[in-house]
């Protein structure tokens, strides 16, 4: 009996390498009904996650999707030499209206299945966080990674809306992470995505 694949909404972060595959993917997603929003972003990986993703690049297409199954098919066709990341959101921790446009998306991982309700409550106190979700991560790449990322089942994604600079928002996210760590929970930064341009 085949395993039933559940489909989720979430985020996909595909390297933008100015090559045929990158351009094809951008064109495909700009027309796709599966893609709600799409951005051109700069990706910065934390020192903790860099060893796992040594092939990371600077520029990515970040898209918010409705159906993860379709995204997997898109990436299988347009697979690249640099890693693409799919964050499937299984639990929406919260969504709310926040002043300003989304200009930063930060991704974390939990090393231990910590108290999610407490983490959600702490994130909720931070007034610039528009959306927070919990899920897992899949990766697509033509080259096999040397190391398997061990925390892909406990991923936290937050969207931050602010008129301030990306550096200022990064500091805000770092402070949020420290507040959670002070409460005895380990939420480690995986990557930060600074939105440069809205594509859709």
Protein backbone atom coordinates (compact mmCIF):
# COMPACT_ATOMS: atom_id res chain seq x y z
CA UNK A 1 0.00 0.00 0.00
CA UNK A 2 1.49 3.35 -0.96
CA UNK A 3 2.11 5.92 1.73
CA UNK A 4 -0.40 8.75 1.56
CA UNK A 5 1.43 12.05 1.12
CA UNK A 6 -0.22 14.86 3.02
CA UNK A 7 -0.09 18.27 1.43
CA UNK A 8 0.59 21.46 3.38
CA UNK A 9 0.83 25.14 2.75
CA UNK A 10 4.13 26.85 3.51
CA UNK A 11 7.20 28.53 2.04
CA UNK A 12 9.69 27.56 -0.62
CA UNK A 13 13.11 29.12 -0.91
CA UNK A 14 14.82 28.35 -4.24
CA UNK A 15 18.27 29.66 -5.24
CA UNK A 16 18.19 32.38 -7.88
CA UNK A 17 21.31 31.68 -9.95
CA UNK A 18 20.44 33.70 -13.10
CA UNK A 19 20.49 30.43 -15.05
CA UNK A 20 17.85 28.68 -17.16
CA UNK A 21 16.37 26.67 -14.25
CA UNK A 22 16.09 29.72 -11.97
CA UNK A 23 14.40 31.80 -14.65
CA UNK A 24 12.05 28.94 -15.61
CA UNK A 25 11.03 28.49 -11.98
CA UNK A 26 10.44 32.22 -11.48
CA UNK A 27 8.25 32.33 -14.62
CA UNK A 28 6.36 29.19 -13.60
CA UNK A 29 5.60 30.48 -10.08
CA UNK A 30 4.66 33.97 -11.23
CA UNK A 31 1.79 32.38 -13.23
CA UNK A 32 0.92 29.61 -10.75
CA UNK A 33 -2.32 29.73 -8.75
CA UNK A 34 -0.49 27.68 -6.11
CA UNK A 35 1.77 30.65 -5.30
CA UNK A 36 0.16 33.35 -3.13
CA UNK A 37 3.18 35.66 -2.80
CA UNK A 38 6.67 35.68 -4.25
CA UNK A 39 9.74 37.70 -3.31
CA UNK A 40 13.36 38.19 -4.34
CA UNK A 41 15.41 37.82 -1.13
CA UNK A 42 18.92 37.72 0.30
CA UNK A 43 19.54 34.62 2.39
CA UNK A 44 21.90 34.57 5.38
CA UNK A 45 22.65 31.30 7.15
CA UNK A 46 23.58 31.07 10.81
CA UNK A 47 26.98 29.69 11.83
CA UNK A 48 25.16 26.66 13.34
CA UNK A 49 23.43 25.73 10.08
CA UNK A 50 26.20 26.59 7.58
CA UNK A 51 28.06 23.24 7.90
CA UNK A 52 24.90 21.43 6.74
CA UNK A 53 24.30 23.77 3.78
CA UNK A 54 27.78 24.67 2.55
CA UNK A 55 26.38 25.11 -0.97
CA UNK A 56 24.16 28.02 0.09
CA UNK A 57 24.01 31.08 -2.12
CA UNK A 58 23.10 34.75 -1.56
CA UNK A 59 19.97 35.25 -3.60
CA UNK A 60 16.76 33.24 -3.48
CA UNK A 61 13.20 33.31 -4.69
CA UNK A 62 10.95 33.03 -1.65
CA UNK A 63 7.38 31.98 -2.39
CA UNK A 64 4.38 31.29 -0.20
CA UNK A 65 2.48 28.28 -1.49
CA UNK A 66 -0.86 26.54 -0.88
CA UNK A 67 0.04 22.97 -1.90
CA UNK A 68 3.41 21.39 -1.03
CA UNK A 69 2.88 18.44 -3.38
CA UNK A 70 2.87 20.77 -6.40
CA UNK A 71 6.01 22.54 -5.14
CA UNK A 72 7.83 19.19 -4.89
CA UNK A 73 6.92 18.46 -8.51
CA UNK A 74 8.12 21.93 -9.63
CA UNK A 75 11.46 21.50 -7.85
CA UNK A 76 11.97 17.95 -9.13
CA UNK A 77 11.73 19.31 -12.70
CA UNK A 78 13.83 22.42 -12.00
CA UNK A 79 16.35 20.92 -9.57
CA UNK A 80 19.60 22.88 -9.21
CA UNK A 81 23.16 22.53 -7.96
CA UNK A 82 22.39 24.70 -4.93
CA UNK A 83 19.90 23.60 -2.28
CA UNK A 84 16.22 24.59 -2.40
CA UNK A 85 14.30 24.55 0.88
CA UNK A 86 10.63 23.72 1.39
CA UNK A 87 9.07 24.61 4.74
CA UNK A 88 5.75 22.81 5.18
CA UNK A 89 3.66 24.54 7.83
CA UNK A 90 1.73 21.93 9.82
CA UNK A 91 0.58 24.24 12.63
CA UNK A 92 -0.18 27.93 12.27
CA UNK A 93 0.87 29.28 15.66
CA UNK A 94 -0.82 32.61 14.84
CA UNK A 95 -1.56 35.17 12.12
CA UNK A 96 -2.47 38.79 12.75
CA UNK A 97 -2.52 42.24 11.20
CA UNK A 98 0.68 44.20 11.77
CA UNK A 99 1.61 47.71 10.62
CA UNK A 100 4.02 47.83 7.69
CA UNK A 101 4.84 45.35 4.93
CA UNK A 102 6.53 41.99 5.43
CA UNK A 103 10.24 42.64 4.91
CA UNK A 104 11.91 39.75 6.73
CA UNK A 105 11.34 36.01 7.17
CA UNK A 106 13.32 34.16 9.81
CA UNK A 107 13.57 30.36 10.08
CA UNK A 108 14.54 28.48 13.26
CA UNK A 109 14.77 24.91 14.42
CA UNK A 110 14.04 23.34 17.78
CA UNK A 111 16.61 20.80 18.94
CA UNK A 112 14.16 19.31 21.40
CA UNK A 113 10.37 19.22 21.01
CA UNK A 114 10.05 22.12 23.44
CA UNK A 115 6.81 23.55 24.78
CA UNK A 116 5.28 24.95 21.60
CA UNK A 117 2.50 26.78 23.41
CA UNK A 118 5.05 28.68 25.47
CA UNK A 119 7.10 29.51 22.35
CA UNK A 120 3.92 30.70 20.57
CA UNK A 121 3.03 32.90 23.57
CA UNK A 122 6.51 34.47 23.60
CA UNK A 123 6.39 35.12 19.84
CA UNK A 124 2.92 36.62 20.22
CA UNK A 125 4.33 39.24 22.62
CA UNK A 126 6.59 40.56 19.85
CA UNK A 127 4.41 43.12 18.06
CA UNK A 128 6.22 43.08 14.69
CA UNK A 129 5.70 39.34 14.10
CA UNK A 130 2.83 38.96 11.67
CA UNK A 131 2.80 35.18 11.17
CA UNK A 132 4.40 32.27 13.02
CA UNK A 133 4.16 28.63 11.97
CA UNK A 134 5.60 25.28 12.91
CA UNK A 135 6.41 22.53 10.46
CA UNK A 136 9.11 20.50 8.77
CA UNK A 137 11.71 21.07 6.08
CA UNK A 138 12.47 19.21 2.85
CA UNK A 139 15.43 20.02 0.61
CA UNK A 140 16.04 19.55 -3.12
CA UNK A 141 19.50 19.56 -4.67
CA UNK A 142 21.31 17.81 -7.51
CA UNK A 143 24.32 17.25 -5.22
CA UNK A 144 23.96 15.11 -2.11
CA UNK A 145 24.84 16.91 1.11
CA UNK A 146 27.75 15.57 3.19
CA UNK A 147 25.75 15.90 6.41
CA UNK A 148 22.08 15.24 7.06
CA UNK A 149 20.39 18.10 8.87
CA UNK A 150 19.03 16.44 12.05
CA UNK A 151 16.32 18.94 13.05
CA UNK A 152 14.19 19.12 9.92
CA UNK A 153 11.03 17.94 11.71
CA UNK A 154 10.92 20.93 14.12
CA UNK A 155 11.05 24.11 12.07
CA UNK A 156 9.62 27.47 13.15
CA UNK A 157 9.04 30.17 10.50
CA UNK A 158 8.18 33.77 11.37
CA UNK A 159 7.23 36.67 9.11
CA UNK A 160 8.15 40.13 10.36
CA UNK A 161 6.57 43.35 9.12
CA UNK A 162 8.57 46.52 9.67
CA UNK A 163 9.55 49.76 7.97
CA UNK A 164 12.99 49.53 9.56
CA UNK A 165 16.20 48.25 7.93
CA UNK A 166 16.89 44.54 7.53
CA UNK A 167 19.75 44.83 10.01
CA UNK A 168 17.41 46.36 12.57
CA UNK A 169 14.82 43.59 12.02
CA UNK A 170 17.53 40.93 12.32
CA UNK A 171 18.51 42.40 15.70
CA UNK A 172 14.82 42.29 16.70
CA UNK A 173 14.63 38.58 15.73
CA UNK A 174 17.90 37.82 17.58
CA UNK A 175 16.45 39.43 20.69
CA UNK A 176 13.26 37.36 20.32
CA UNK A 177 15.34 34.18 20.10
CA UNK A 178 17.34 35.19 23.20
CA UNK A 179 14.11 35.80 25.14
CA UNK A 180 12.99 32.24 24.32
CA UNK A 181 16.41 30.81 25.25
CA UNK A 182 16.23 32.62 28.61
CA UNK A 183 13.08 30.65 29.35
CA UNK A 184 15.11 27.45 28.95
CA UNK A 185 14.05 26.51 25.42
CA UNK A 186 16.47 26.04 22.53
CA UNK A 187 15.36 27.78 19.34
CA UNK A 188 18.32 28.08 16.96
CA UNK A 189 18.43 30.30 13.88
CA UNK A 190 18.65 28.39 10.59
CA UNK A 191 18.42 31.23 8.06
CA UNK A 192 17.25 34.81 7.65
CA UNK A 193 15.64 36.04 4.45
CA UNK A 194 15.69 39.78 3.79
CA UNK A 195 13.05 40.77 1.26
CA UNK A 196 14.50 42.96 -1.51
CA UNK A 197 11.66 42.99 -4.00
CA UNK A 198 8.07 41.74 -4.30
CA UNK A 199 7.67 39.64 -7.46
CA UNK A 200 4.02 38.66 -6.97
